């Protein structure tokens, strides 16, 4: 039987491409060997798959038909609701998107398909839809730790972490862990695919108590540049020219603007402890933004750009 990720991907493709709604029997027939033979087990597996796809925003529609097959449910995906419409990006905005994509997800086939859908780097006139259901190697260990309320240890941003994993969250195609970081004495959010090496469960420690009112959906940071960030690291001071100043001020908030220049440019303070997220944000401004300080971060950005050009 196919693994879960392969089956989910094939199910998504089938429901997108079918010219008419399909019943579960038809779906199992099309995806031969990927669902159990038993009707009960097949229904249970399909319902789990359907729930996963809906949780990540796939609009699976269903209808109950009449006639000879009265009472049978058929399924399909509404392509108009699923596919992103054109954003009418200008050349500068498209270049910013391409640079940011290259910086944050190098070599990603899903990233390339996303750019194709938005009109960038088009090889032909196709409208490809690629769904990635992430399956990170450390997820089973983290799920066990969350369920058993066990402390985990791992390395993140070159720092050894000891964390009470309160919950896991799938957001925008990535898995995140939210929990209490013992070393920092506060709640933190970590993107699981950026954990270095293995996650270990510390069974010598007593199980932790999760806050009764904890909800991972509400605990997720609004600003991705704060995910996994260390509060003791200084913010970056960034110059933004007049053409992007107003938009940047709206995005970051007026409290982040520390200086307004006579030519309309501004200087802002931006969280930078999550280096990939900060770099993606910065590259999105192309030549309209420049890191002023701290010096180490400026040197790191310069080195990254020189390496990209090379």
C-alpha atoms as a PDB file:
ATOM      1  CA  UNK A   1       0.000   0.000   0.000  1.00  0.00           C
ATOM      2  CA  UNK A   2       1.284   3.503  -0.821  1.00  0.00           C
ATOM      3  CA  UNK A   3       2.540   5.659   2.023  1.00  0.00           C
ATOM      4  CA  UNK A   4       0.290   8.355   3.451  1.00  0.00           C
ATOM      5  CA  UNK A   5       1.931  11.326   1.736  1.00  0.00           C
ATOM      6  CA  UNK A   6       1.829   9.641  -1.688  1.00  0.00           C
ATOM      7  CA  UNK A   7      -1.820   8.702  -1.221  1.00  0.00           C
ATOM      8  CA  UNK A   8      -2.775  12.225  -0.141  1.00  0.00           C
ATOM      9  CA  UNK A   9      -0.993  13.729  -3.130  1.00  0.00           C
ATOM     10  CA  UNK A  10      -2.647  11.295  -5.532  1.00  0.00           C
ATOM     11  CA  UNK A  11      -6.067  11.896  -3.970  1.00  0.00           C
ATOM     12  CA  UNK A  12      -5.637  15.638  -4.366  1.00  0.00           C
ATOM     13  CA  UNK A  13      -4.604  15.294  -8.006  1.00  0.00           C
ATOM     14  CA  UNK A  14      -7.509  12.929  -8.750  1.00  0.00           C
ATOM     15  CA  UNK A  15     -10.169  15.188  -7.205  1.00  0.00           C
ATOM     16  CA  UNK A  16      -8.734  18.214  -9.002  1.00  0.00           C
ATOM     17  CA  UNK A  17      -8.673  16.599 -12.431  1.00  0.00           C
ATOM     18  CA  UNK A  18     -11.881  14.556 -12.401  1.00  0.00           C
ATOM     19  CA  UNK A  19     -14.476  15.900 -14.874  1.00  0.00           C
ATOM     20  CA  UNK A  20     -17.287  14.751 -12.574  1.00  0.00           C
ATOM     21  CA  UNK A  21     -17.665  13.991  -8.848  1.00  0.00           C
ATOM     22  CA  UNK A  22     -16.421  10.566  -7.703  1.00  0.00           C
ATOM     23  CA  UNK A  23     -17.729   8.162  -5.089  1.00  0.00           C
ATOM     24  CA  UNK A  24     -15.404   6.512  -2.581  1.00  0.00           C
ATOM     25  CA  UNK A  25     -15.640   3.257  -4.536  1.00  0.00           C
ATOM     26  CA  UNK A  26     -14.570   5.071  -7.703  1.00  0.00           C
ATOM     27  CA  UNK A  27     -11.762   6.877  -5.863  1.00  0.00           C
ATOM     28  CA  UNK A  28     -10.434   3.603  -4.432  1.00  0.00           C
ATOM     29  CA  UNK A  29     -10.613   2.077  -7.917  1.00  0.00           C
ATOM     30  CA  UNK A  30      -8.671   4.958  -9.482  1.00  0.00           C
ATOM     31  CA  UNK A  31      -6.066   4.849  -6.702  1.00  0.00           C
ATOM     32  CA  UNK A  32      -5.659   1.110  -6.985  1.00  0.00           C
ATOM     33  CA  UNK A  33      -3.899  -0.488  -4.023  1.00  0.00           C
ATOM     34  CA  UNK A  34      -3.663   2.742  -2.044  1.00  0.00           C
ATOM     35  CA  UNK A  35      -6.725   2.219   0.182  1.00  0.00           C
ATOM     36  CA  UNK A  36      -7.595  -0.868   2.280  1.00  0.00           C
ATOM     37  CA  UNK A  37      -9.846  -3.540   0.794  1.00  0.00           C
ATOM     38  CA  UNK A  38     -12.155  -3.591   3.827  1.00  0.00           C
ATOM     39  CA  UNK A  39     -15.044  -1.122   3.419  1.00  0.00           C
ATOM     40  CA  UNK A  40     -14.815   0.020   7.034  1.00  0.00           C
ATOM     41  CA  UNK A  41     -11.035   0.504   6.966  1.00  0.00           C
ATOM     42  CA  UNK A  42     -11.245   2.183   3.548  1.00  0.00           C
ATOM     43  CA  UNK A  43     -13.885   4.637   4.756  1.00  0.00           C
ATOM     44  CA  UNK A  44     -11.856   5.436   7.890  1.00  0.00           C
ATOM     45  CA  UNK A  45      -8.667   6.031   5.890  1.00  0.00           C
ATOM     46  CA  UNK A  46     -10.480   8.230   3.381  1.00  0.00           C
ATOM     47  CA  UNK A  47     -12.125  10.321   6.109  1.00  0.00           C
ATOM     48  CA  UNK A  48      -8.721  10.892   7.710  1.00  0.00           C
ATOM     49  CA  UNK A  49      -7.231  11.919   4.364  1.00  0.00           C
ATOM     50  CA  UNK A  50     -10.159  14.234   3.640  1.00  0.00           C
ATOM     51  CA  UNK A  51      -9.756  15.893   7.060  1.00  0.00           C
ATOM     52  CA  UNK A  52      -6.026  16.472   6.487  1.00  0.00           C
ATOM     53  CA  UNK A  53      -6.613  18.119   3.120  1.00  0.00           C
ATOM     54  CA  UNK A  54      -9.407  20.317   4.459  1.00  0.00           C
ATOM     55  CA  UNK A  55      -7.219  21.332   7.418  1.00  0.00           C
ATOM     56  CA  UNK A  56      -4.636  22.768   5.007  1.00  0.00           C
ATOM     57  CA  UNK A  57      -7.276  24.673   3.067  1.00  0.00           C
ATOM     58  CA  UNK A  58      -8.232  22.319   0.226  1.00  0.00           C
ATOM     59  CA  UNK A  59     -11.959  22.878  -0.565  1.00  0.00           C
ATOM     60  CA  UNK A  60     -13.245  19.308  -0.978  1.00  0.00           C
ATOM     61  CA  UNK A  61     -16.882  19.453  -2.037  1.00  0.00           C
ATOM     62  CA  UNK A  62     -19.405  16.654  -1.708  1.00  0.00           C
ATOM     63  CA  UNK A  63     -22.927  15.847  -2.871  1.00  0.00           C
ATOM     64  CA  UNK A  64     -25.436  13.100  -2.097  1.00  0.00           C
ATOM     65  CA  UNK A  65     -26.957  11.720  -5.287  1.00  0.00           C
ATOM     66  CA  UNK A  66     -30.312  10.118  -6.060  1.00  0.00           C
ATOM     67  CA  UNK A  67     -31.547   7.598  -8.586  1.00  0.00           C
ATOM     68  CA  UNK A  68     -30.119   4.068  -8.646  1.00  0.00           C
ATOM     69  CA  UNK A  69     -27.232   5.201  -6.424  1.00  0.00           C
ATOM     70  CA  UNK A  70     -29.437   7.095  -3.969  1.00  0.00           C
ATOM     71  CA  UNK A  71     -27.677   7.977  -0.738  1.00  0.00           C
ATOM     72  CA  UNK A  72     -24.187   7.658  -2.195  1.00  0.00           C
ATOM     73  CA  UNK A  73     -21.778  10.574  -1.622  1.00  0.00           C
ATOM     74  CA  UNK A  74     -19.522  11.857  -4.343  1.00  0.00           C
ATOM     75  CA  UNK A  75     -16.529  14.188  -4.009  1.00  0.00           C
ATOM     76  CA  UNK A  76     -14.569  16.739  -6.027  1.00  0.00           C
ATOM     77  CA  UNK A  77     -12.450  19.874  -5.555  1.00  0.00           C
ATOM     78  CA  UNK A  78     -13.692  23.238  -6.742  1.00  0.00           C
ATOM     79  CA  UNK A  79     -10.738  24.474  -8.806  1.00  0.00           C
ATOM     80  CA  UNK A  80     -11.871  28.106  -8.720  1.00  0.00           C
ATOM     81  CA  UNK A  81     -11.795  28.095  -4.917  1.00  0.00           C
ATOM     82  CA  UNK A  82      -8.547  26.098  -4.767  1.00  0.00           C
ATOM     83  CA  UNK A  83      -6.424  27.851  -7.359  1.00  0.00           C
ATOM     84  CA  UNK A  84      -5.039  31.291  -6.655  1.00  0.00           C
ATOM     85  CA  UNK A  85      -6.103  33.969  -9.086  1.00  0.00           C
ATOM     86  CA  UNK A  86      -3.693  36.325 -10.794  1.00  0.00           C
ATOM     87  CA  UNK A  87      -2.157  38.971  -8.526  1.00  0.00           C
ATOM     88  CA  UNK A  88      -1.220  41.368 -11.337  1.00  0.00           C
ATOM     89  CA  UNK A  89       2.287  41.841  -9.939  1.00  0.00           C
ATOM     90  CA  UNK A  90       4.503  44.404 -11.644  1.00  0.00           C
ATOM     91  CA  UNK A  91       8.086  43.554 -12.661  1.00  0.00           C
ATOM     92  CA  UNK A  92       9.639  44.782  -9.397  1.00  0.00           C
ATOM     93  CA  UNK A  93       7.155  42.852  -7.271  1.00  0.00           C
ATOM     94  CA  UNK A  94       7.700  39.684  -9.303  1.00  0.00           C
ATOM     95  CA  UNK A  95      11.476  39.954  -8.961  1.00  0.00           C
ATOM     96  CA  UNK A  96      11.057  40.458  -5.224  1.00  0.00           C
ATOM     97  CA  UNK A  97       8.945  37.315  -5.021  1.00  0.00           C
ATOM     98  CA  UNK A  98      11.466  35.313  -7.025  1.00  0.00           C
ATOM     99  CA  UNK A  99      14.416  36.434  -4.878  1.00  0.00           C
ATOM    100  CA  UNK A 100      12.508  35.767  -1.660  1.00  0.00           C
ATOM    101  CA  UNK A 101      11.498  32.309  -2.875  1.00  0.00           C
ATOM    102  CA  UNK A 102      15.071  31.506  -3.803  1.00  0.00           C
ATOM    103  CA  UNK A 103      16.261  32.653  -0.387  1.00  0.00           C
ATOM    104  CA  UNK A 104      13.764  30.766   1.704  1.00  0.00           C
ATOM    105  CA  UNK A 105      13.121  27.506  -0.184  1.00  0.00           C
ATOM    106  CA  UNK A 106      16.058  26.770  -2.508  1.00  0.00           C
ATOM    107  CA  UNK A 107      15.466  23.883  -4.870  1.00  0.00           C
ATOM    108  CA  UNK A 108      11.807  23.540  -3.953  1.00  0.00           C
ATOM    109  CA  UNK A 109       9.669  22.205  -6.780  1.00  0.00           C
ATOM    110  CA  UNK A 110       6.563  23.488  -5.027  1.00  0.00           C
ATOM    111  CA  UNK A 111       8.163  26.935  -4.872  1.00  0.00           C
ATOM    112  CA  UNK A 112       8.788  26.883  -8.616  1.00  0.00           C
ATOM    113  CA  UNK A 113       5.208  25.830  -9.286  1.00  0.00           C
ATOM    114  CA  UNK A 114       4.009  28.657  -7.040  1.00  0.00           C
ATOM    115  CA  UNK A 115       6.001  31.135  -9.123  1.00  0.00           C
ATOM    116  CA  UNK A 116       4.553  29.648 -12.301  1.00  0.00           C
ATOM    117  CA  UNK A 117       1.054  30.161 -10.950  1.00  0.00           C
ATOM    118  CA  UNK A 118       1.832  33.790 -10.155  1.00  0.00           C
ATOM    119  CA  UNK A 119       3.245  34.372 -13.632  1.00  0.00           C
ATOM    120  CA  UNK A 120       6.973  34.399 -12.870  1.00  0.00           C
ATOM    121  CA  UNK A 121       9.507  32.354 -14.800  1.00  0.00           C
ATOM    122  CA  UNK A 122       6.845  30.878 -17.052  1.00  0.00           C
ATOM    123  CA  UNK A 123       8.188  28.176 -19.361  1.00  0.00           C
ATOM    124  CA  UNK A 124       4.846  27.501 -20.941  1.00  0.00           C
ATOM    125  CA  UNK A 125       1.266  28.554 -20.379  1.00  0.00           C
ATOM    126  CA  UNK A 126       0.353  25.749 -17.979  1.00  0.00           C
ATOM    127  CA  UNK A 127      -1.408  26.345 -14.680  1.00  0.00           C
ATOM    128  CA  UNK A 128       0.171  23.674 -12.509  1.00  0.00           C
ATOM    129  CA  UNK A 129      -1.101  22.945  -9.023  1.00  0.00           C
ATOM    130  CA  UNK A 130       1.298  21.128  -6.729  1.00  0.00           C
ATOM    131  CA  UNK A 131       0.282  20.226  -3.189  1.00  0.00           C
ATOM    132  CA  UNK A 132       2.935  19.465  -0.589  1.00  0.00           C
ATOM    133  CA  UNK A 133       1.750  17.705   2.546  1.00  0.00           C
ATOM    134  CA  UNK A 134       4.836  18.059   4.750  1.00  0.00           C
ATOM    135  CA  UNK A 135       6.138  14.941   6.466  1.00  0.00           C
ATOM    136  CA  UNK A 136       9.071  15.929   8.707  1.00  0.00           C
ATOM    137  CA  UNK A 137      11.213  13.122  10.121  1.00  0.00           C
ATOM    138  CA  UNK A 138      10.984  14.390  13.700  1.00  0.00           C
ATOM    139  CA  UNK A 139       7.176  14.635  13.734  1.00  0.00           C
ATOM    140  CA  UNK A 140       6.507  11.158  15.224  1.00  0.00           C
ATOM    141  CA  UNK A 141       8.881  11.864  18.133  1.00  0.00           C
ATOM    142  CA  UNK A 142       7.319  15.253  18.770  1.00  0.00           C
ATOM    143  CA  UNK A 143       3.782  13.881  18.559  1.00  0.00           C
ATOM    144  CA  UNK A 144       4.712  11.256  21.171  1.00  0.00           C
ATOM    145  CA  UNK A 145       6.258  13.908  23.417  1.00  0.00           C
ATOM    146  CA  UNK A 146       3.190  16.159  23.120  1.00  0.00           C
ATOM    147  CA  UNK A 147       0.818  13.275  23.884  1.00  0.00           C
ATOM    148  CA  UNK A 148       2.868  12.031  26.862  1.00  0.00           C
ATOM    149  CA  UNK A 149       3.737  15.566  28.060  1.00  0.00           C
ATOM    150  CA  UNK A 150       7.456  14.797  27.943  1.00  0.00           C
ATOM    151  CA  UNK A 151      10.336  17.288  27.710  1.00  0.00           C
ATOM    152  CA  UNK A 152      12.344  17.256  24.473  1.00  0.00           C
ATOM    153  CA  UNK A 153      15.877  18.365  23.660  1.00  0.00           C
ATOM    154  CA  UNK A 154      17.194  19.491  20.264  1.00  0.00           C
ATOM    155  CA  UNK A 155      19.427  22.041  18.572  1.00  0.00           C
ATOM    156  CA  UNK A 156      17.966  25.120  16.883  1.00  0.00           C
ATOM    157  CA  UNK A 157      19.806  28.168  15.523  1.00  0.00           C
ATOM    158  CA  UNK A 158      23.056  26.639  16.883  1.00  0.00           C
ATOM    159  CA  UNK A 159      21.684  26.603  20.434  1.00  0.00           C
ATOM    160  CA  UNK A 160      20.814  23.518  22.495  1.00  0.00           C
ATOM    161  CA  UNK A 161      17.150  23.704  23.571  1.00  0.00           C
ATOM    162  CA  UNK A 162      15.194  22.068  26.365  1.00  0.00           C
ATOM    163  CA  UNK A 163      11.469  22.501  25.675  1.00  0.00           C
ATOM    164  CA  UNK A 164       8.071  21.411  26.997  1.00  0.00           C
ATOM    165  CA  UNK A 165       6.238  20.766  23.686  1.00  0.00           C
ATOM    166  CA  UNK A 166       2.720  22.044  24.296  1.00  0.00           C
ATOM    167  CA  UNK A 167       1.412  21.503  20.768  1.00  0.00           C
ATOM    168  CA  UNK A 168       2.074  21.159  17.037  1.00  0.00           C
ATOM    169  CA  UNK A 169       0.588  23.303  14.287  1.00  0.00           C
ATOM    170  CA  UNK A 170       0.560  23.022  10.489  1.00  0.00           C
ATOM    171  CA  UNK A 171       0.578  26.526   9.027  1.00  0.00           C
ATOM    172  CA  UNK A 172       1.278  27.630   5.449  1.00  0.00           C
ATOM    173  CA  UNK A 173       2.838  24.295   4.508  1.00  0.00           C
ATOM    174  CA  UNK A 174       5.185  24.037   7.496  1.00  0.00           C
ATOM    175  CA  UNK A 175       5.003  22.233  10.835  1.00  0.00           C
ATOM    176  CA  UNK A 176       5.644  24.264  13.980  1.00  0.00           C
ATOM    177  CA  UNK A 177       6.099  23.289  17.613  1.00  0.00           C
ATOM    178  CA  UNK A 178       4.948  25.674  20.326  1.00  0.00           C
ATOM    179  CA  UNK A 179       6.112  25.160  23.884  1.00  0.00           C
ATOM    180  CA  UNK A 180       7.958  26.403  26.953  1.00  0.00           C
ATOM    181  CA  UNK A 181      11.714  26.892  26.493  1.00  0.00           C
ATOM    182  CA  UNK A 182      13.499  26.119  29.779  1.00  0.00           C
ATOM    183  CA  UNK A 183      16.645  28.037  28.868  1.00  0.00           C
ATOM    184  CA  UNK A 184      14.763  31.258  28.093  1.00  0.00           C
ATOM    185  CA  UNK A 185      12.002  30.856  30.630  1.00  0.00           C
ATOM    186  CA  UNK A 186       9.230  31.684  28.174  1.00  0.00           C
ATOM    187  CA  UNK A 187       7.008  30.312  25.398  1.00  0.00           C
ATOM    188  CA  UNK A 188       8.662  29.898  22.001  1.00  0.00           C
ATOM    189  CA  UNK A 189       7.676  28.717  18.513  1.00  0.00           C
ATOM    190  CA  UNK A 190       9.989  26.567  16.377  1.00  0.00           C
ATOM    191  CA  UNK A 191       9.719  25.535  12.743  1.00  0.00           C
ATOM    192  CA  UNK A 192      10.327  21.809  12.877  1.00  0.00           C
ATOM    193  CA  UNK A 193      12.169  21.411   9.556  1.00  0.00           C
ATOM    194  CA  UNK A 194      14.812  23.853  10.850  1.00  0.00           C
ATOM    195  CA  UNK A 195      15.694  21.700  13.856  1.00  0.00           C
ATOM    196  CA  UNK A 196      19.295  20.499  13.483  1.00  0.00           C
ATOM    197  CA  UNK A 197      19.759  16.767  13.963  1.00  0.00           C
ATOM    198  CA  UNK A 198      17.413  14.642  16.041  1.00  0.00           C
ATOM    199  CA  UNK A 199      14.815  15.441  18.666  1.00  0.00           C
ATOM    200  CA  UNK A 200      15.268  13.412  21.872  1.00  0.00           C
ATOM    201  CA  UNK A 201      12.675  12.782  24.580  1.00  0.00           C
ATOM    202  CA  UNK A 202      14.072  13.298  28.085  1.00  0.00           C
ATOM    203  CA  UNK A 203      12.416  10.499  30.037  1.00  0.00           C
ATOM    204  CA  UNK A 204      14.411  11.278  33.184  1.00  0.00           C
ATOM    205  CA  UNK A 205      12.297  14.382  33.751  1.00  0.00           C
ATOM    206  CA  UNK A 206       8.773  14.286  35.127  1.00  0.00           C
ATOM    207  CA  UNK A 207       5.913  14.955  32.685  1.00  0.00           C
ATOM    208  CA  UNK A 208       5.134  18.656  32.357  1.00  0.00           C
ATOM    209  CA  UNK A 209       1.772  20.342  32.825  1.00  0.00           C
ATOM    210  CA  UNK A 210       0.386  22.088  29.758  1.00  0.00           C
ATOM    211  CA  UNK A 211      -1.500  25.365  30.440  1.00  0.00           C
ATOM    212  CA  UNK A 212      -5.222  24.623  30.553  1.00  0.00           C
ATOM    213  CA  UNK A 213      -6.063  27.525  28.216  1.00  0.00           C
ATOM    214  CA  UNK A 214      -3.346  26.793  25.636  1.00  0.00           C
ATOM    215  CA  UNK A 215      -4.497  26.883  22.002  1.00  0.00           C
ATOM    216  CA  UNK A 216      -1.710  26.535  19.384  1.00  0.00           C
ATOM    217  CA  UNK A 217      -3.739  28.471  16.804  1.00  0.00           C
ATOM    218  CA  UNK A 218      -3.876  31.510  19.074  1.00  0.00           C
ATOM    219  CA  UNK A 219      -0.284  31.115  20.270  1.00  0.00           C
ATOM    220  CA  UNK A 220       1.243  31.238  16.776  1.00  0.00           C
ATOM    221  CA  UNK A 221       3.216  34.499  16.252  1.00  0.00           C
ATOM    222  CA  UNK A 222       1.730  36.967  13.793  1.00  0.00           C
ATOM    223  CA  UNK A 223       5.246  37.909  12.668  1.00  0.00           C
ATOM    224  CA  UNK A 224       7.207  34.922  11.245  1.00  0.00           C
ATOM    225  CA  UNK A 225      10.446  36.811  11.982  1.00  0.00           C
ATOM    226  CA  UNK A 226       9.733  36.113  15.668  1.00  0.00           C
ATOM    227  CA  UNK A 227       9.477  32.324  15.291  1.00  0.00           C
ATOM    228  CA  UNK A 228      12.275  30.760  17.321  1.00  0.00           C
ATOM    229  CA  UNK A 229      13.676  34.221  18.037  1.00  0.00           C
ATOM    230  CA  UNK A 230      15.867  34.918  21.046  1.00  0.00           C
ATOM    231  CA  UNK A 231      14.645  37.940  22.969  1.00  0.00           C
ATOM    232  CA  UNK A 232      18.215  38.918  23.987  1.00  0.00           C
ATOM    233  CA  UNK A 233      19.355  39.431  20.381  1.00  0.00           C
ATOM    234  CA  UNK A 234      19.144  43.030  19.108  1.00  0.00           C
ATOM    235  CA  UNK A 235      16.800  44.063  16.319  1.00  0.00           C
ATOM    236  CA  UNK A 236      18.181  45.065  12.936  1.00  0.00           C
ATOM    237  CA  UNK A 237      18.234  48.714  11.930  1.00  0.00           C
ATOM    238  CA  UNK A 238      17.144  48.891   8.287  1.00  0.00           C
ATOM    239  CA  UNK A 239      16.997  51.826   5.862  1.00  0.00           C
ATOM    240  CA  UNK A 240      14.045  51.782   3.446  1.00  0.00           C
ATOM    241  CA  UNK A 241      13.796  54.277   0.601  1.00  0.00           C
ATOM    242  CA  UNK A 242      10.886  56.623  -0.036  1.00  0.00           C
ATOM    243  CA  UNK A 243       9.175  54.351  -2.586  1.00  0.00           C
ATOM    244  CA  UNK A 244       8.636  51.591   0.002  1.00  0.00           C
ATOM    245  CA  UNK A 245       8.615  53.609   3.229  1.00  0.00           C
ATOM    246  CA  UNK A 246       4.865  53.977   3.646  1.00  0.00           C
ATOM    247  CA  UNK A 247       4.177  50.285   3.013  1.00  0.00           C
ATOM    248  CA  UNK A 248       6.947  49.210   5.382  1.00  0.00           C
ATOM    249  CA  UNK A 249       5.666  51.490   8.126  1.00  0.00           C
ATOM    250  CA  UNK A 250       2.154  50.057   7.759  1.00  0.00           C
ATOM    251  CA  UNK A 251       3.489  46.501   7.841  1.00  0.00           C
ATOM    252  CA  UNK A 252       5.812  46.912  10.829  1.00  0.00           C
ATOM    253  CA  UNK A 253       3.875  49.534  12.777  1.00  0.00           C
ATOM    254  CA  UNK A 254       4.779  53.131  13.503  1.00  0.00           C
ATOM    255  CA  UNK A 255       6.481  52.127  16.753  1.00  0.00           C
ATOM    256  CA  UNK A 256       9.158  50.393  14.651  1.00  0.00           C
ATOM    257  CA  UNK A 257      10.030  53.587  12.749  1.00  0.00           C
ATOM    258  CA  UNK A 258      12.993  55.208  14.530  1.00  0.00           C
ATOM    259  CA  UNK A 259      13.935  57.882  12.007  1.00  0.00           C
ATOM    260  CA  UNK A 260      12.322  59.728   9.094  1.00  0.00           C
ATOM    261  CA  UNK A 261      14.672  61.319   6.556  1.00  0.00           C
ATOM    262  CA  UNK A 262      14.094  64.465   4.515  1.00  0.00           C
ATOM    263  CA  UNK A 263      13.958  62.528   1.231  1.00  0.00           C
ATOM    264  CA  UNK A 264      11.054  60.372   2.488  1.00  0.00           C
ATOM    265  CA  UNK A 265      13.139  57.352   3.446  1.00  0.00           C
ATOM    266  CA  UNK A 266      12.814  55.813   6.913  1.00  0.00           C
ATOM    267  CA  UNK A 267      14.891  53.718   9.296  1.00  0.00           C
ATOM    268  CA  UNK A 268      13.109  50.906  11.102  1.00  0.00           C
ATOM    269  CA  UNK A 269      13.931  48.320  13.763  1.00  0.00           C
ATOM    270  CA  UNK A 270      13.095  44.771  12.646  1.00  0.00           C
ATOM    271  CA  UNK A 271      13.321  41.430  14.549  1.00  0.00           C
ATOM    272  CA  UNK A 272      16.159  39.435  12.977  1.00  0.00           C
ATOM    273  CA  UNK A 273      16.861  36.489  15.290  1.00  0.00           C
ATOM    274  CA  UNK A 274      15.074  34.178  12.838  1.00  0.00           C
ATOM    275  CA  UNK A 275      17.655  34.725  10.093  1.00  0.00           C
ATOM    276  CA  UNK A 276      15.848  33.022   7.156  1.00  0.00           C
ATOM    277  CA  UNK A 277      12.586  34.881   7.863  1.00  0.00           C
ATOM    278  CA  UNK A 278      14.395  38.208   8.202  1.00  0.00           C
ATOM    279  CA  UNK A 279      16.397  37.603   5.031  1.00  0.00           C
ATOM    280  CA  UNK A 280      13.224  36.749   3.100  1.00  0.00           C
ATOM    281  CA  UNK A 281      11.579  39.973   4.295  1.00  0.00           C
ATOM    282  CA  UNK A 282      14.649  42.046   3.439  1.00  0.00           C
ATOM    283  CA  UNK A 283      15.095  40.558  -0.041  1.00  0.00           C
ATOM    284  CA  UNK A 284      11.459  41.283  -0.742  1.00  0.00           C
ATOM    285  CA  UNK A 285      12.406  44.967  -0.830  1.00  0.00           C
ATOM    286  CA  UNK A 286      15.251  44.394  -3.342  1.00  0.00           C
ATOM    287  CA  UNK A 287      17.397  47.523  -3.730  1.00  0.00           C
ATOM    288  CA  UNK A 288      14.906  49.610  -1.748  1.00  0.00           C
ATOM    289  CA  UNK A 289      16.210  48.398   1.650  1.00  0.00           C
ATOM    290  CA  UNK A 290      19.629  48.212   3.323  1.00  0.00           C
ATOM    291  CA  UNK A 291      20.749  46.755   6.649  1.00  0.00           C
ATOM    292  CA  UNK A 292      22.571  49.406   8.676  1.00  0.00           C
ATOM    293  CA  UNK A 293      23.313  47.524  11.888  1.00  0.00           C
ATOM    294  CA  UNK A 294      24.296  45.457  13.762  1.00  0.00           C
ATOM    295  CA  UNK A 295      27.555  45.148  11.796  1.00  0.00           C
ATOM    296  CA  UNK A 296      27.651  41.338  12.033  1.00  0.00           C
ATOM    297  CA  UNK A 297      24.203  41.037  10.463  1.00  0.00           C
ATOM    298  CA  UNK A 298      25.080  43.505   7.705  1.00  0.00           C
ATOM    299  CA  UNK A 299      28.204  41.479   6.894  1.00  0.00           C
ATOM    300  CA  UNK A 300      26.147  38.259   6.859  1.00  0.00           C
ATOM    301  CA  UNK A 301      23.619  39.718   4.407  1.00  0.00           C
ATOM    302  CA  UNK A 302      26.382  41.038   2.149  1.00  0.00           C
ATOM    303  CA  UNK A 303      28.063  37.618   2.163  1.00  0.00           C
ATOM    304  CA  UNK A 304      24.774  35.910   1.341  1.00  0.00           C
ATOM    305  CA  UNK A 305      24.131  38.217  -1.636  1.00  0.00           C
ATOM    306  CA  UNK A 306      27.694  37.845  -2.929  1.00  0.00           C
ATOM    307  CA  UNK A 307      27.376  34.071  -2.738  1.00  0.00           C
ATOM    308  CA  UNK A 308      24.010  34.210  -4.566  1.00  0.00           C
ATOM    309  CA  UNK A 309      25.529  36.322  -7.331  1.00  0.00           C
ATOM    310  CA  UNK A 310      28.504  33.959  -7.607  1.00  0.00           C
END
